[in-house]
Amino acid sequence: MTLKRTRQLQLLPRCRYAGRIGRACAALLALYTALHCPAVIAQAYPSKPIRLIVGVAPGGGVDGVARTLANRLQERLAQNVLVDNRAGAGSSIAHELTARATPDGYTLMLATATLVIYPFMTQASFDPLADFAAVTQVVTVPLVLVINAGVPARSAAELIAWAKSKPGSLNFATSGSGSFPHLAGELFKTMSGTDLVHVPYKGNAAIYPDLIAGQTQVGFTAISSAMPHIKSGKLRALAVTSRVRLRSAPELPTLDEAGVRGYDASQWYGVLAPAKTPAAIIDRLQREIVAALQQPDVLARVALEGEPIGSSAEQFARHIRDEHAKWGKLIRQLGIRGG
C-alpha cells in the first residue's frame, strides 16, 4: 500500500467527525445570529443619513413638526435627518414613495390621517394597512368648530338647535371635498341630526374671508390657523373635535361634552416606515422619537398643532386600523369623493 493511500485511510474518520462538527458549529452560529442579530442591527443603525418624507409643501403645521422633530432626532441618532417634501395627490405621492422604499430604516414618513382616508375616495397603489410599519404617533390634532360672529349661538348645543330650526340653510366651510375637515363636518351632521350644506374651498386659508364675512356660517378648521381670528372676535369658537379638551385651549369644550356623545374627529401625525423594516430598527426609532418629543422646543412646536402623544408602535398600528375602519364606513355610507 502506498504512503499516500495510508494517509487517506488515517484521515477518513477524522473527516467524518469534522463534517459533524462543522454542521454543529453552523447550527450554533445560526442560533446565535437569530438571538443577537436584532441587537447588532440596532447598534449599527444608522450609518448614513435618514430621509423623512412629508406629503405636503414646505410651511404649515405638518412640515413644521417634521423639521423640528428632524433637528432633534439627528442629534440623538448622530446622523442627518433630511426632510423631503413630496406634495400632491392628497399626499399619495409621499405614501407611494415610502411604501416602495427599501425597508432598512433610512426612509421614513411623517404621515397624517389622509393615509387612511384617500384610498377610499381614489384609486391608490398602496395599502395603508399592509405597506407600512408603524413607529409612533407624534401628535393628535383636533379641529375647532367655529362660527361667524353674527350667528346667534354661544355653544355647540345652541348651534345644533338653531341649525335644526333652519334645515339646509346653513353652510359649513372646509379646506376641500374629501379633506379631513369635510369628513369631520359630515360626521357632525350625521351624529347631531343637522342638515348643513358643505362648501369646499381650495385650502384651509381660503375659508376665512367668506366665513368672517358671513357668506358661510360654520367652519371646521385647524385651531392653529383659526386662533388669530378667534382672538380678534371675528369668529367664535364653540368646541374642539377631540374626545378630550386641549391643554392649549382648555376653555373650549369638546363636542362630546356639548351633547354629540361619542364624537371624535382628530387629525394625527405619526412616523411610519416601509413594511418589513426590522423590528430592532422600529424599536430604536420609537424610543428616540419619544425622547425627542420631551425636548422643550419639540414639545412647544407640537403643542401648536394639538396634543403630543409618543405612543408605542403597537398602539399606533391599532389606531391606524381603527381610523381606517371608522372613516371607511362613513365615506362608503355617504359616497364621499375627493376634490
C-alpha atoms as a PDB file:
ATOM      1  CA  MET A   1       0.000   0.000   0.000  1.00  0.00           C
ATOM      2  CA  THR A   2       1.356   3.403  -0.897  1.00  0.00           C
ATOM      3  CA  LEU A   3       2.144   6.038   1.668  1.00  0.00           C
ATOM      4  CA  LYS A   4      -0.470   8.329   0.110  1.00  0.00           C
ATOM      5  CA  ARG A   5      -3.214   5.712   0.410  1.00  0.00           C
ATOM      6  CA  THR A   6      -2.293   5.024   4.039  1.00  0.00           C
ATOM      7  CA  ARG A   7      -2.636   8.698   4.941  1.00  0.00           C
ATOM      8  CA  GLN A   8      -6.053   8.870   3.263  1.00  0.00           C
ATOM      9  CA  LEU A   9      -7.313   5.966   5.345  1.00  0.00           C
ATOM     10  CA  GLN A  10      -5.955   7.522   8.531  1.00  0.00           C
ATOM     11  CA  LEU A  11      -7.711  10.805   7.812  1.00  0.00           C
ATOM     12  CA  LEU A  12     -11.108   9.274   6.926  1.00  0.00           C
ATOM     13  CA  PRO A  13     -12.581   9.024  10.479  1.00  0.00           C
ATOM     14  CA  ARG A  14     -11.333  12.486  11.289  1.00  0.00           C
ATOM     15  CA  CYS A  15     -13.050  13.896   8.202  1.00  0.00           C
ATOM     16  CA  ARG A  16     -16.339  12.263   9.186  1.00  0.00           C
ATOM     17  CA  TYR A  17     -16.136  13.873  12.639  1.00  0.00           C
ATOM     18  CA  ALA A  18     -15.072  17.163  11.067  1.00  0.00           C
ATOM     19  CA  GLY A  19     -18.235  17.186   8.973  1.00  0.00           C
ATOM     20  CA  ARG A  20     -20.409  16.618  12.015  1.00  0.00           C
ATOM     21  CA  ILE A  21     -18.573  19.269  13.998  1.00  0.00           C
ATOM     22  CA  GLY A  22     -18.885  21.701  11.093  1.00  0.00           C
ATOM     23  CA  ARG A  23     -22.638  21.166  10.885  1.00  0.00           C
ATOM     24  CA  ALA A  24     -22.975  21.588  14.628  1.00  0.00           C
ATOM     25  CA  CYS A  25     -20.968  24.804  14.545  1.00  0.00           C
ATOM     26  CA  ALA A  26     -23.081  26.131  11.692  1.00  0.00           C
ATOM     27  CA  ALA A  27     -26.250  25.390  13.666  1.00  0.00           C
ATOM     28  CA  LEU A  28     -24.882  27.141  16.737  1.00  0.00           C
ATOM     29  CA  LEU A  29     -23.846  30.136  14.642  1.00  0.00           C
ATOM     30  CA  ALA A  30     -27.334  30.365  13.124  1.00  0.00           C
ATOM     31  CA  LEU A  31     -28.898  30.209  16.591  1.00  0.00           C
ATOM     32  CA  TYR A  32     -26.568  32.913  17.902  1.00  0.00           C
ATOM     33  CA  THR A  33     -27.310  35.145  14.934  1.00  0.00           C
ATOM     34  CA  ALA A  34     -31.055  34.720  15.372  1.00  0.00           C
ATOM     35  CA  LEU A  35     -30.797  35.640  19.044  1.00  0.00           C
ATOM     36  CA  HIS A  36     -28.348  38.503  18.767  1.00  0.00           C
ATOM     37  CA  CYS A  37     -28.788  39.951  15.262  1.00  0.00           C
ATOM     38  CA  PRO A  38     -31.548  42.437  16.266  1.00  0.00           C
ATOM     39  CA  ALA A  39     -29.240  43.956  18.868  1.00  0.00           C
ATOM     40  CA  VAL A  40     -26.396  44.126  16.347  1.00  0.00           C
ATOM     41  CA  ILE A  41     -28.680  45.791  13.784  1.00  0.00           C
ATOM     42  CA  ALA A  42     -29.907  48.341  16.323  1.00  0.00           C
ATOM     43  CA  GLN A  43     -26.364  49.189  17.419  1.00  0.00           C
ATOM     44  CA  ALA A  44     -25.127  49.606  13.835  1.00  0.00           C
ATOM     45  CA  TYR A  45     -28.114  51.742  12.797  1.00  0.00           C
ATOM     46  CA  PRO A  46     -27.944  54.396  11.488  1.00  0.00           C
ATOM     47  CA  SER A  47     -24.754  54.556   9.446  1.00  0.00           C
ATOM     48  CA  LYS A  48     -25.920  57.096   6.861  1.00  0.00           C
ATOM     49  CA  PRO A  49     -28.449  59.971   6.551  1.00  0.00           C
ATOM     50  CA  ILE A  50     -32.168  59.280   7.011  1.00  0.00           C
ATOM     51  CA  ARG A  51     -34.873  60.680   4.748  1.00  0.00           C
ATOM     52  CA  LEU A  52     -38.127  61.853   6.377  1.00  0.00           C
ATOM     53  CA  ILE A  53     -40.770  62.188   3.662  1.00  0.00           C
ATOM     54  CA  VAL A  54     -43.598  64.676   4.176  1.00  0.00           C
ATOM     55  CA  GLY A  55     -46.624  64.713   1.874  1.00  0.00           C
ATOM     56  CA  VAL A  56     -47.108  68.499   1.928  1.00  0.00           C
ATOM     57  CA  ALA A  57     -45.268  71.545   0.651  1.00  0.00           C
ATOM     58  CA  PRO A  58     -42.823  73.419   2.919  1.00  0.00           C
ATOM     59  CA  GLY A  59     -44.539  75.578   5.525  1.00  0.00           C
ATOM     60  CA  GLY A  60     -47.610  74.780   7.590  1.00  0.00           C
ATOM     61  CA  GLY A  61     -48.224  72.508  10.537  1.00  0.00           C
ATOM     62  CA  VAL A  62     -47.110  69.109   9.267  1.00  0.00           C
ATOM     63  CA  ASP A  63     -43.905  70.449   7.748  1.00  0.00           C
ATOM     64  CA  GLY A  64     -43.125  72.490  10.858  1.00  0.00           C
ATOM     65  CA  VAL A  65     -43.464  69.483  13.125  1.00  0.00           C
ATOM     66  CA  ALA A  66     -41.375  67.367  10.735  1.00  0.00           C
ATOM     67  CA  ARG A  67     -38.488  69.839  10.658  1.00  0.00           C
ATOM     68  CA  THR A  68     -38.448  70.424  14.409  1.00  0.00           C
ATOM     69  CA  LEU A  69     -38.536  66.697  15.055  1.00  0.00           C
ATOM     70  CA  ALA A  70     -35.848  66.014  12.428  1.00  0.00           C
ATOM     71  CA  ASN A  71     -33.476  68.513  14.046  1.00  0.00           C
ATOM     72  CA  ARG A  72     -33.688  66.817  17.418  1.00  0.00           C
ATOM     73  CA  LEU A  73     -33.713  63.308  16.005  1.00  0.00           C
ATOM     74  CA  GLN A  74     -30.475  63.812  14.093  1.00  0.00           C
ATOM     75  CA  GLU A  75     -28.787  64.911  17.303  1.00  0.00           C
ATOM     76  CA  ARG A  76     -29.901  61.725  19.043  1.00  0.00           C
ATOM     77  CA  LEU A  77     -29.002  59.431  16.131  1.00  0.00           C
ATOM     78  CA  ALA A  78     -25.770  61.236  15.179  1.00  0.00           C
ATOM     79  CA  GLN A  79     -26.858  61.243  11.540  1.00  0.00           C
ATOM     80  CA  ASN A  80     -28.525  63.823   9.317  1.00  0.00           C
ATOM     81  CA  VAL A  81     -32.307  63.526   9.096  1.00  0.00           C
ATOM     82  CA  LEU A  82     -33.368  65.224   5.868  1.00  0.00           C
ATOM     83  CA  VAL A  83     -36.966  66.382   5.351  1.00  0.00           C
ATOM     84  CA  ASP A  84     -38.141  65.542   1.826  1.00  0.00           C
ATOM     85  CA  ASN A  85     -41.350  67.376   0.840  1.00  0.00           C
ATOM     86  CA  ARG A  86     -43.377  65.415  -1.735  1.00  0.00           C
ATOM     87  CA  ALA A  87     -46.664  67.280  -2.021  1.00  0.00           C
ATOM     88  CA  GLY A  88     -49.527  66.359  -4.308  1.00  0.00           C
ATOM     89  CA  ALA A  89     -52.394  63.930  -4.881  1.00  0.00           C
ATOM     90  CA  GLY A  90     -53.593  64.089  -1.294  1.00  0.00           C
ATOM     91  CA  SER A  91     -50.136  63.009  -0.057  1.00  0.00           C
ATOM     92  CA  SER A  92     -50.368  59.853  -2.185  1.00  0.00           C
ATOM     93  CA  ILE A  93     -47.015  60.614  -3.828  1.00  0.00           C
ATOM     94  CA  ALA A  94     -45.357  60.512  -0.405  1.00  0.00           C
ATOM     95  CA  HIS A  95     -47.278  57.372   0.556  1.00  0.00           C
ATOM     96  CA  GLU A  96     -46.220  55.508  -2.588  1.00  0.00           C
ATOM     97  CA  LEU A  97     -42.568  56.544  -2.248  1.00  0.00           C
ATOM     98  CA  THR A  98     -42.454  55.307   1.324  1.00  0.00           C
ATOM     99  CA  ALA A  99     -44.301  52.072   0.620  1.00  0.00           C
ATOM    100  CA  ARG A 100     -41.818  51.166  -2.130  1.00  0.00           C
ATOM    101  CA  ALA A 101     -38.652  52.232  -0.333  1.00  0.00           C
ATOM    102  CA  THR A 102     -36.114  49.702   0.914  1.00  0.00           C
ATOM    103  CA  PRO A 103     -37.195  48.649   4.434  1.00  0.00           C
ATOM    104  CA  ASP A 104     -33.887  49.439   6.100  1.00  0.00           C
ATOM    105  CA  GLY A 105     -34.835  52.370   8.329  1.00  0.00           C
ATOM    106  CA  TYR A 106     -33.363  55.042   6.058  1.00  0.00           C
ATOM    107  CA  THR A 107     -36.702  56.127   4.583  1.00  0.00           C
ATOM    108  CA  LEU A 108     -39.408  57.286   6.986  1.00  0.00           C
ATOM    109  CA  MET A 109     -42.585  59.320   6.563  1.00  0.00           C
ATOM    110  CA  LEU A 110     -44.448  61.732   8.801  1.00  0.00           C
ATOM    111  CA  ALA A 111     -47.945  60.649   7.793  1.00  0.00           C
ATOM    112  CA  THR A 112     -51.334  62.160   8.582  1.00  0.00           C
ATOM    113  CA  ALA A 113     -54.866  60.791   8.624  1.00  0.00           C
ATOM    114  CA  THR A 114     -55.044  61.227   4.850  1.00  0.00           C
ATOM    115  CA  LEU A 115     -53.186  57.908   4.705  1.00  0.00           C
ATOM    116  CA  VAL A 116     -56.354  56.020   5.662  1.00  0.00           C
ATOM    117  CA  ILE A 117     -58.854  58.393   4.020  1.00  0.00           C
ATOM    118  CA  TYR A 118     -57.838  58.879   0.397  1.00  0.00           C
ATOM    119  CA  PRO A 119     -57.652  55.205  -0.624  1.00  0.00           C
ATOM    120  CA  PHE A 120     -61.432  55.074  -0.072  1.00  0.00           C
ATOM    121  CA  MET A 121     -62.007  58.009  -2.429  1.00  0.00           C
ATOM    122  CA  THR A 122     -59.383  57.488  -5.128  1.00  0.00           C
ATOM    123  CA  GLN A 123     -57.549  54.573  -6.683  1.00  0.00           C
ATOM    124  CA  ALA A 124     -54.382  54.101  -4.642  1.00  0.00           C
ATOM    125  CA  SER A 125     -51.383  51.935  -5.486  1.00  0.00           C
ATOM    126  CA  PHE A 126     -50.582  51.304  -1.828  1.00  0.00           C
ATOM    127  CA  ASP A 127     -52.318  49.562   1.075  1.00  0.00           C
ATOM    128  CA  PRO A 128     -52.437  51.796   4.171  1.00  0.00           C
ATOM    129  CA  LEU A 129     -52.521  48.767   6.469  1.00  0.00           C
ATOM    130  CA  ALA A 130     -50.169  46.311   4.762  1.00  0.00           C
ATOM    131  CA  ASP A 131     -47.483  48.528   3.203  1.00  0.00           C
ATOM    132  CA  PHE A 132     -46.267  50.392   6.283  1.00  0.00           C
ATOM    133  CA  ALA A 133     -44.783  49.705   9.697  1.00  0.00           C
ATOM    134  CA  ALA A 134     -45.984  51.980  12.492  1.00  0.00           C
ATOM    135  CA  VAL A 135     -43.270  53.658  14.567  1.00  0.00           C
ATOM    136  CA  THR A 136     -45.083  56.150  16.808  1.00  0.00           C
ATOM    137  CA  GLN A 137     -47.938  58.626  16.773  1.00  0.00           C
ATOM    138  CA  VAL A 138     -46.427  62.054  17.321  1.00  0.00           C
ATOM    139  CA  VAL A 139     -49.498  64.218  17.907  1.00  0.00           C
ATOM    140  CA  THR A 140     -53.268  64.188  17.762  1.00  0.00           C
ATOM    141  CA  VAL A 141     -54.652  67.276  16.029  1.00  0.00           C
ATOM    142  CA  PRO A 142     -58.266  68.201  16.758  1.00  0.00           C
ATOM    143  CA  LEU A 143     -60.142  70.694  14.655  1.00  0.00           C
ATOM    144  CA  VAL A 144     -62.160  73.542  16.053  1.00  0.00           C
ATOM    145  CA  LEU A 145     -65.820  74.236  15.287  1.00  0.00           C
ATOM    146  CA  VAL A 146     -66.108  77.961  14.592  1.00  0.00           C
ATOM    147  CA  ILE A 147     -68.981  80.173  13.538  1.00  0.00           C
ATOM    148  CA  ASN A 148     -69.399  83.648  12.118  1.00  0.00           C
ATOM    149  CA  ALA A 149     -69.693  86.172  14.931  1.00  0.00           C
ATOM    150  CA  GLY A 150     -73.209  87.084  13.771  1.00  0.00           C
ATOM    151  CA  VAL A 151     -74.623  83.594  14.273  1.00  0.00           C
ATOM    152  CA  PRO A 152     -76.922  83.618  17.327  1.00  0.00           C
ATOM    153  CA  ALA A 153     -75.281  80.713  19.148  1.00  0.00           C
ATOM    154  CA  ARG A 154     -72.964  80.724  22.139  1.00  0.00           C
ATOM    155  CA  SER A 155     -72.452  76.975  22.364  1.00  0.00           C
ATOM    156  CA  ALA A 156     -72.425  73.930  20.133  1.00  0.00           C
ATOM    157  CA  ALA A 157     -75.765  72.861  21.624  1.00  0.00           C
ATOM    158  CA  GLU A 158     -77.321  76.215  20.648  1.00  0.00           C
ATOM    159  CA  LEU A 159     -75.858  75.924  17.146  1.00  0.00           C
ATOM    160  CA  ILE A 160     -77.360  72.450  16.750  1.00  0.00           C
ATOM    161  CA  ALA A 161     -80.776  73.707  17.903  1.00  0.00           C
ATOM    162  CA  TRP A 162     -80.592  76.693  15.539  1.00  0.00           C
ATOM    163  CA  ALA A 163     -79.482  74.504  12.612  1.00  0.00           C
ATOM    164  CA  LYS A 164     -82.385  72.100  13.227  1.00  0.00           C
ATOM    165  CA  SER A 165     -84.792  75.036  13.097  1.00  0.00           C
ATOM    166  CA  LYS A 166     -83.392  76.085   9.700  1.00  0.00           C
ATOM    167  CA  PRO A 167     -82.584  72.796   7.893  1.00  0.00           C
ATOM    168  CA  GLY A 168     -80.474  73.247   4.765  1.00  0.00           C
ATOM    169  CA  SER A 169     -79.974  76.988   5.264  1.00  0.00           C
ATOM    170  CA  LEU A 170     -76.572  76.944   6.995  1.00  0.00           C
ATOM    171  CA  ASN A 171     -73.293  76.348   5.195  1.00  0.00           C
ATOM    172  CA  PHE A 172     -70.145  74.796   6.618  1.00  0.00           C
ATOM    173  CA  ALA A 173     -66.803  75.641   5.068  1.00  0.00           C
ATOM    174  CA  THR A 174     -63.833  73.285   4.806  1.00  0.00           C
ATOM    175  CA  SER A 175     -60.492  73.082   3.029  1.00  0.00           C
ATOM    176  CA  GLY A 176     -61.890  70.855   0.268  1.00  0.00           C
ATOM    177  CA  SER A 177     -64.044  67.902  -0.716  1.00  0.00           C
ATOM    178  CA  GLY A 178     -62.780  64.710   0.864  1.00  0.00           C
ATOM    179  CA  SER A 179     -60.485  66.599   3.230  1.00  0.00           C
ATOM    180  CA  PHE A 180     -60.335  65.680   6.892  1.00  0.00           C
ATOM    181  CA  PRO A 181     -62.354  68.797   7.899  1.00  0.00           C
ATOM    182  CA  HIS A 182     -65.003  67.742   5.373  1.00  0.00           C
ATOM    183  CA  LEU A 183     -65.246  64.308   6.979  1.00  0.00           C
ATOM    184  CA  ALA A 184     -65.354  65.894  10.449  1.00  0.00           C
ATOM    185  CA  GLY A 185     -68.268  68.075   9.305  1.00  0.00           C
ATOM    186  CA  GLU A 186     -70.141  65.148   7.772  1.00  0.00           C
ATOM    187  CA  LEU A 187     -69.652  63.125  10.947  1.00  0.00           C
ATOM    188  CA  PHE A 188     -71.032  66.080  12.929  1.00  0.00           C
ATOM    189  CA  LYS A 189     -74.106  66.253  10.678  1.00  0.00           C
ATOM    190  CA  THR A 190     -74.714  62.512  10.978  1.00  0.00           C
ATOM    191  CA  MET A 191     -74.311  62.364  14.760  1.00  0.00           C
ATOM    192  CA  SER A 192     -76.123  65.633  15.578  1.00  0.00           C
ATOM    193  CA  GLY A 193     -79.003  65.169  13.144  1.00  0.00           C
ATOM    194  CA  THR A 194     -78.426  68.541  11.465  1.00  0.00           C
ATOM    195  CA  ASP A 195     -78.657  69.461   7.783  1.00  0.00           C
ATOM    196  CA  LEU A 196     -75.725  71.673   6.840  1.00  0.00           C
ATOM    197  CA  VAL A 197     -74.565  72.390   3.278  1.00  0.00           C
ATOM    198  CA  HIS A 198     -70.895  71.709   2.579  1.00  0.00           C
ATOM    199  CA  VAL A 199     -68.914  74.471   0.852  1.00  0.00           C
ATOM    200  CA  PRO A 200     -65.431  73.274  -0.156  1.00  0.00           C
ATOM    201  CA  TYR A 201     -62.536  75.688  -0.640  1.00  0.00           C
ATOM    202  CA  LYS A 202     -59.058  75.241  -2.080  1.00  0.00           C
ATOM    203  CA  GLY A 203     -57.064  75.043   1.106  1.00  0.00           C
ATOM    204  CA  ASN A 204     -57.584  75.927   4.733  1.00  0.00           C
ATOM    205  CA  ALA A 205     -56.600  79.606   4.494  1.00  0.00           C
ATOM    206  CA  ALA A 206     -59.203  80.214   1.787  1.00  0.00           C
ATOM    207  CA  ILE A 207     -62.169  79.580   4.081  1.00  0.00           C
ATOM    208  CA  TYR A 208     -61.638  82.579   6.355  1.00  0.00           C
ATOM    209  CA  PRO A 209     -62.645  85.590   4.203  1.00  0.00           C
ATOM    210  CA  ASP A 210     -66.129  84.200   3.490  1.00  0.00           C
ATOM    211  CA  LEU A 211     -66.531  82.799   6.989  1.00  0.00           C
ATOM    212  CA  ILE A 212     -65.659  86.147   8.564  1.00  0.00           C
ATOM    213  CA  ALA A 213     -67.917  87.986   6.095  1.00  0.00           C
ATOM    214  CA  GLY A 214     -70.837  85.681   6.893  1.00  0.00           C
ATOM    215  CA  GLN A 215     -71.186  84.145   3.428  1.00  0.00           C
ATOM    216  CA  THR A 216     -70.616  80.842   5.195  1.00  0.00           C
ATOM    217  CA  GLN A 217     -71.712  80.459   8.790  1.00  0.00           C
ATOM    218  CA  VAL A 218     -69.914  77.396  10.169  1.00  0.00           C
ATOM    219  CA  GLY A 219     -66.369  76.116   9.776  1.00  0.00           C
ATOM    220  CA  PHE A 220     -64.370  73.042  10.719  1.00  0.00           C
ATOM    221  CA  THR A 221     -60.741  74.097  10.652  1.00  0.00           C
ATOM    222  CA  ALA A 222     -57.286  73.825  12.192  1.00  0.00           C
ATOM    223  CA  ILE A 223     -57.118  75.511  15.575  1.00  0.00           C
ATOM    224  CA  SER A 224     -53.661  76.976  14.880  1.00  0.00           C
ATOM    225  CA  SER A 225     -54.879  78.958  11.857  1.00  0.00           C
ATOM    226  CA  ALA A 226     -58.250  79.869  13.401  1.00  0.00           C
ATOM    227  CA  MET A 227     -56.900  81.208  16.699  1.00  0.00           C
ATOM    228  CA  PRO A 228     -55.938  84.719  15.448  1.00  0.00           C
ATOM    229  CA  HIS A 229     -59.492  85.209  14.132  1.00  0.00           C
ATOM    230  CA  ILE A 230     -60.971  83.820  17.353  1.00  0.00           C
ATOM    231  CA  LYS A 231     -58.866  86.159  19.492  1.00  0.00           C
ATOM    232  CA  SER A 232     -59.827  89.153  17.340  1.00  0.00           C
ATOM    233  CA  GLY A 233     -63.527  88.351  17.801  1.00  0.00           C
ATOM    234  CA  LYS A 234     -64.142  87.847  14.069  1.00  0.00           C
ATOM    235  CA  LEU A 235     -65.002  84.197  14.655  1.00  0.00           C
ATOM    236  CA  ARG A 236     -66.478  82.414  17.656  1.00  0.00           C
ATOM    237  CA  ALA A 237     -65.077  79.065  18.713  1.00  0.00           C
ATOM    238  CA  LEU A 238     -67.675  76.656  20.086  1.00  0.00           C
ATOM    239  CA  ALA A 239     -65.905  73.332  20.581  1.00  0.00           C
ATOM    240  CA  VAL A 240     -62.989  71.113  19.654  1.00  0.00           C
ATOM    241  CA  THR A 241     -63.488  67.866  17.782  1.00  0.00           C
ATOM    242  CA  SER A 242     -61.371  65.626  20.049  1.00  0.00           C
ATOM    243  CA  ARG A 243     -62.650  63.479  22.911  1.00  0.00           C
ATOM    244  CA  VAL A 244     -60.663  65.479  25.484  1.00  0.00           C
ATOM    245  CA  ARG A 245     -60.045  69.191  25.867  1.00  0.00           C
ATOM    246  CA  LEU A 246     -56.860  70.742  24.574  1.00  0.00           C
ATOM    247  CA  ARG A 247     -54.285  71.809  27.146  1.00  0.00           C
ATOM    248  CA  SER A 248     -53.533  74.815  24.933  1.00  0.00           C
ATOM    249  CA  ALA A 249     -57.220  75.883  24.913  1.00  0.00           C
ATOM    250  CA  PRO A 250     -58.850  74.328  27.993  1.00  0.00           C
ATOM    251  CA  GLU A 251     -61.753  76.765  27.855  1.00  0.00           C
ATOM    252  CA  LEU A 252     -63.106  75.087  24.731  1.00  0.00           C
ATOM    253  CA  PRO A 253     -65.417  72.130  25.436  1.00  0.00           C
ATOM    254  CA  THR A 254     -65.486  69.028  23.293  1.00  0.00           C
ATOM    255  CA  LEU A 255     -68.424  68.191  21.048  1.00  0.00           C
ATOM    256  CA  ASP A 256     -68.940  65.111  23.183  1.00  0.00           C
ATOM    257  CA  GLU A 257     -69.424  67.396  26.193  1.00  0.00           C
ATOM    258  CA  ALA A 258     -71.762  69.584  24.133  1.00  0.00           C
ATOM    259  CA  GLY A 259     -74.155  66.681  23.620  1.00  0.00           C
ATOM    260  CA  VAL A 260     -72.845  64.934  20.487  1.00  0.00           C
ATOM    261  CA  ARG A 261     -71.996  61.832  22.503  1.00  0.00           C
ATOM    262  CA  GLY A 262     -69.050  59.791  21.290  1.00  0.00           C
ATOM    263  CA  TYR A 263     -68.000  62.346  18.691  1.00  0.00           C
ATOM    264  CA  ASP A 264     -64.274  62.270  17.905  1.00  0.00           C
ATOM    265  CA  ALA A 265     -62.656  63.580  14.744  1.00  0.00           C
ATOM    266  CA  SER A 266     -58.982  64.250  15.327  1.00  0.00           C
ATOM    267  CA  GLN A 267     -56.292  64.501  12.707  1.00  0.00           C
ATOM    268  CA  TRP A 268     -52.982  62.903  13.620  1.00  0.00           C
ATOM    269  CA  TYR A 269     -49.352  62.970  12.590  1.00  0.00           C
ATOM    270  CA  GLY A 270     -47.215  59.888  13.043  1.00  0.00           C
ATOM    271  CA  VAL A 271     -43.990  58.333  11.827  1.00  0.00           C
ATOM    272  CA  LEU A 272     -44.168  55.300   9.548  1.00  0.00           C
ATOM    273  CA  ALA A 273     -41.557  53.133   7.853  1.00  0.00           C
ATOM    274  CA  PRO A 274     -41.929  50.719   4.935  1.00  0.00           C
ATOM    275  CA  ALA A 275     -43.380  47.333   5.841  1.00  0.00           C
ATOM    276  CA  LYS A 276     -40.797  44.688   6.831  1.00  0.00           C
ATOM    277  CA  THR A 277     -38.433  47.220   8.366  1.00  0.00           C
ATOM    278  CA  PRO A 278     -36.565  45.236  11.062  1.00  0.00           C
ATOM    279  CA  ALA A 279     -38.252  45.328  14.460  1.00  0.00           C
ATOM    280  CA  ALA A 280     -34.983  46.340  16.133  1.00  0.00           C
ATOM    281  CA  ILE A 281     -34.841  49.485  13.987  1.00  0.00           C
ATOM    282  CA  ILE A 282     -38.512  50.284  14.633  1.00  0.00           C
ATOM    283  CA  ASP A 283     -37.877  49.954  18.388  1.00  0.00           C
ATOM    284  CA  ARG A 284     -34.830  52.222  18.220  1.00  0.00           C
ATOM    285  CA  LEU A 285     -36.663  54.881  16.232  1.00  0.00           C
ATOM    286  CA  GLN A 286     -39.678  54.756  18.528  1.00  0.00           C
ATOM    287  CA  ARG A 287     -37.511  55.305  21.609  1.00  0.00           C
ATOM    288  CA  GLU A 288     -35.560  58.154  20.057  1.00  0.00           C
ATOM    289  CA  ILE A 289     -38.629  59.957  18.710  1.00  0.00           C
ATOM    290  CA  VAL A 290     -40.437  59.711  22.047  1.00  0.00           C
ATOM    291  CA  ALA A 291     -37.316  61.069  23.767  1.00  0.00           C
ATOM    292  CA  ALA A 292     -37.127  63.914  21.232  1.00  0.00           C
ATOM    293  CA  LEU A 293     -40.770  64.762  21.974  1.00  0.00           C
ATOM    294  CA  GLN A 294     -39.783  65.523  25.563  1.00  0.00           C
ATOM    295  CA  GLN A 295     -37.432  68.314  24.464  1.00  0.00           C
ATOM    296  CA  PRO A 296     -38.932  71.772  25.138  1.00  0.00           C
ATOM    297  CA  ASP A 297     -38.605  73.072  21.572  1.00  0.00           C
ATOM    298  CA  VAL A 298     -40.219  69.981  20.040  1.00  0.00           C
ATOM    299  CA  LEU A 299     -42.935  69.892  22.678  1.00  0.00           C
ATOM    300  CA  ALA A 300     -43.727  73.571  22.127  1.00  0.00           C
ATOM    301  CA  ARG A 301     -43.911  73.187  18.329  1.00  0.00           C
ATOM    302  CA  VAL A 302     -46.080  70.080  18.507  1.00  0.00           C
ATOM    303  CA  ALA A 303     -48.387  71.730  21.072  1.00  0.00           C
ATOM    304  CA  LEU A 304     -49.221  74.422  18.496  1.00  0.00           C
ATOM    305  CA  GLU A 305     -50.947  71.699  16.479  1.00  0.00           C
ATOM    306  CA  GLY A 306     -52.540  69.625  19.242  1.00  0.00           C
ATOM    307  CA  GLU A 307     -51.718  67.111  21.952  1.00  0.00           C
ATOM    308  CA  PRO A 308     -48.297  65.378  21.918  1.00  0.00           C
ATOM    309  CA  ILE A 309     -48.606  61.582  22.068  1.00  0.00           C
ATOM    310  CA  GLY A 310     -45.461  59.452  21.695  1.00  0.00           C
ATOM    311  CA  SER A 311     -47.248  56.093  21.513  1.00  0.00           C
ATOM    312  CA  SER A 312     -45.774  52.633  21.199  1.00  0.00           C
ATOM    313  CA  ALA A 313     -45.576  51.133  17.723  1.00  0.00           C
ATOM    314  CA  GLU A 314     -48.340  48.671  18.621  1.00  0.00           C
ATOM    315  CA  GLN A 315     -50.652  51.425  19.881  1.00  0.00           C
ATOM    316  CA  PHE A 316     -50.110  53.471  16.738  1.00  0.00           C
ATOM    317  CA  ALA A 317     -50.744  50.474  14.471  1.00  0.00           C
ATOM    318  CA  ARG A 318     -54.013  49.805  16.311  1.00  0.00           C
ATOM    319  CA  HIS A 319     -55.028  53.469  15.988  1.00  0.00           C
ATOM    320  CA  ILE A 320     -54.418  53.362  12.226  1.00  0.00           C
ATOM    321  CA  ARG A 321     -56.585  50.241  11.897  1.00  0.00           C
ATOM    322  CA  ASP A 322     -59.382  51.838  13.938  1.00  0.00           C
ATOM    323  CA  GLU A 323     -59.255  55.074  11.900  1.00  0.00           C
ATOM    324  CA  HIS A 324     -59.269  53.096   8.654  1.00  0.00           C
ATOM    325  CA  ALA A 325     -62.439  51.257   9.695  1.00  0.00           C
ATOM    326  CA  LYS A 326     -64.176  54.364  11.070  1.00  0.00           C
ATOM    327  CA  TRP A 327     -63.645  56.719   8.147  1.00  0.00           C
ATOM    328  CA  GLY A 328     -64.076  53.997   5.554  1.00  0.00           C
ATOM    329  CA  LYS A 329     -67.546  53.300   6.886  1.00  0.00           C
ATOM    330  CA  LEU A 330     -68.545  56.996   6.727  1.00  0.00           C
ATOM    331  CA  ILE A 331     -67.077  57.538   3.252  1.00  0.00           C
ATOM    332  CA  ARG A 332     -68.862  54.500   1.820  1.00  0.00           C
ATOM    333  CA  GLN A 333     -72.115  55.384   3.581  1.00  0.00           C
ATOM    334  CA  LEU A 334     -72.203  58.933   2.191  1.00  0.00           C
ATOM    335  CA  GLY A 335     -70.438  58.272  -1.124  1.00  0.00           C
ATOM    336  CA  ILE A 336     -67.850  60.984  -0.475  1.00  0.00           C
ATOM    337  CA  ARG A 337     -65.366  61.669  -3.245  1.00  0.00           C
ATOM    338  CA  GLY A 338     -62.145  63.641  -3.153  1.00  0.00           C
ATOM    339  CA  GLY A 339     -61.850  67.071  -4.726  1.00  0.00           C
END
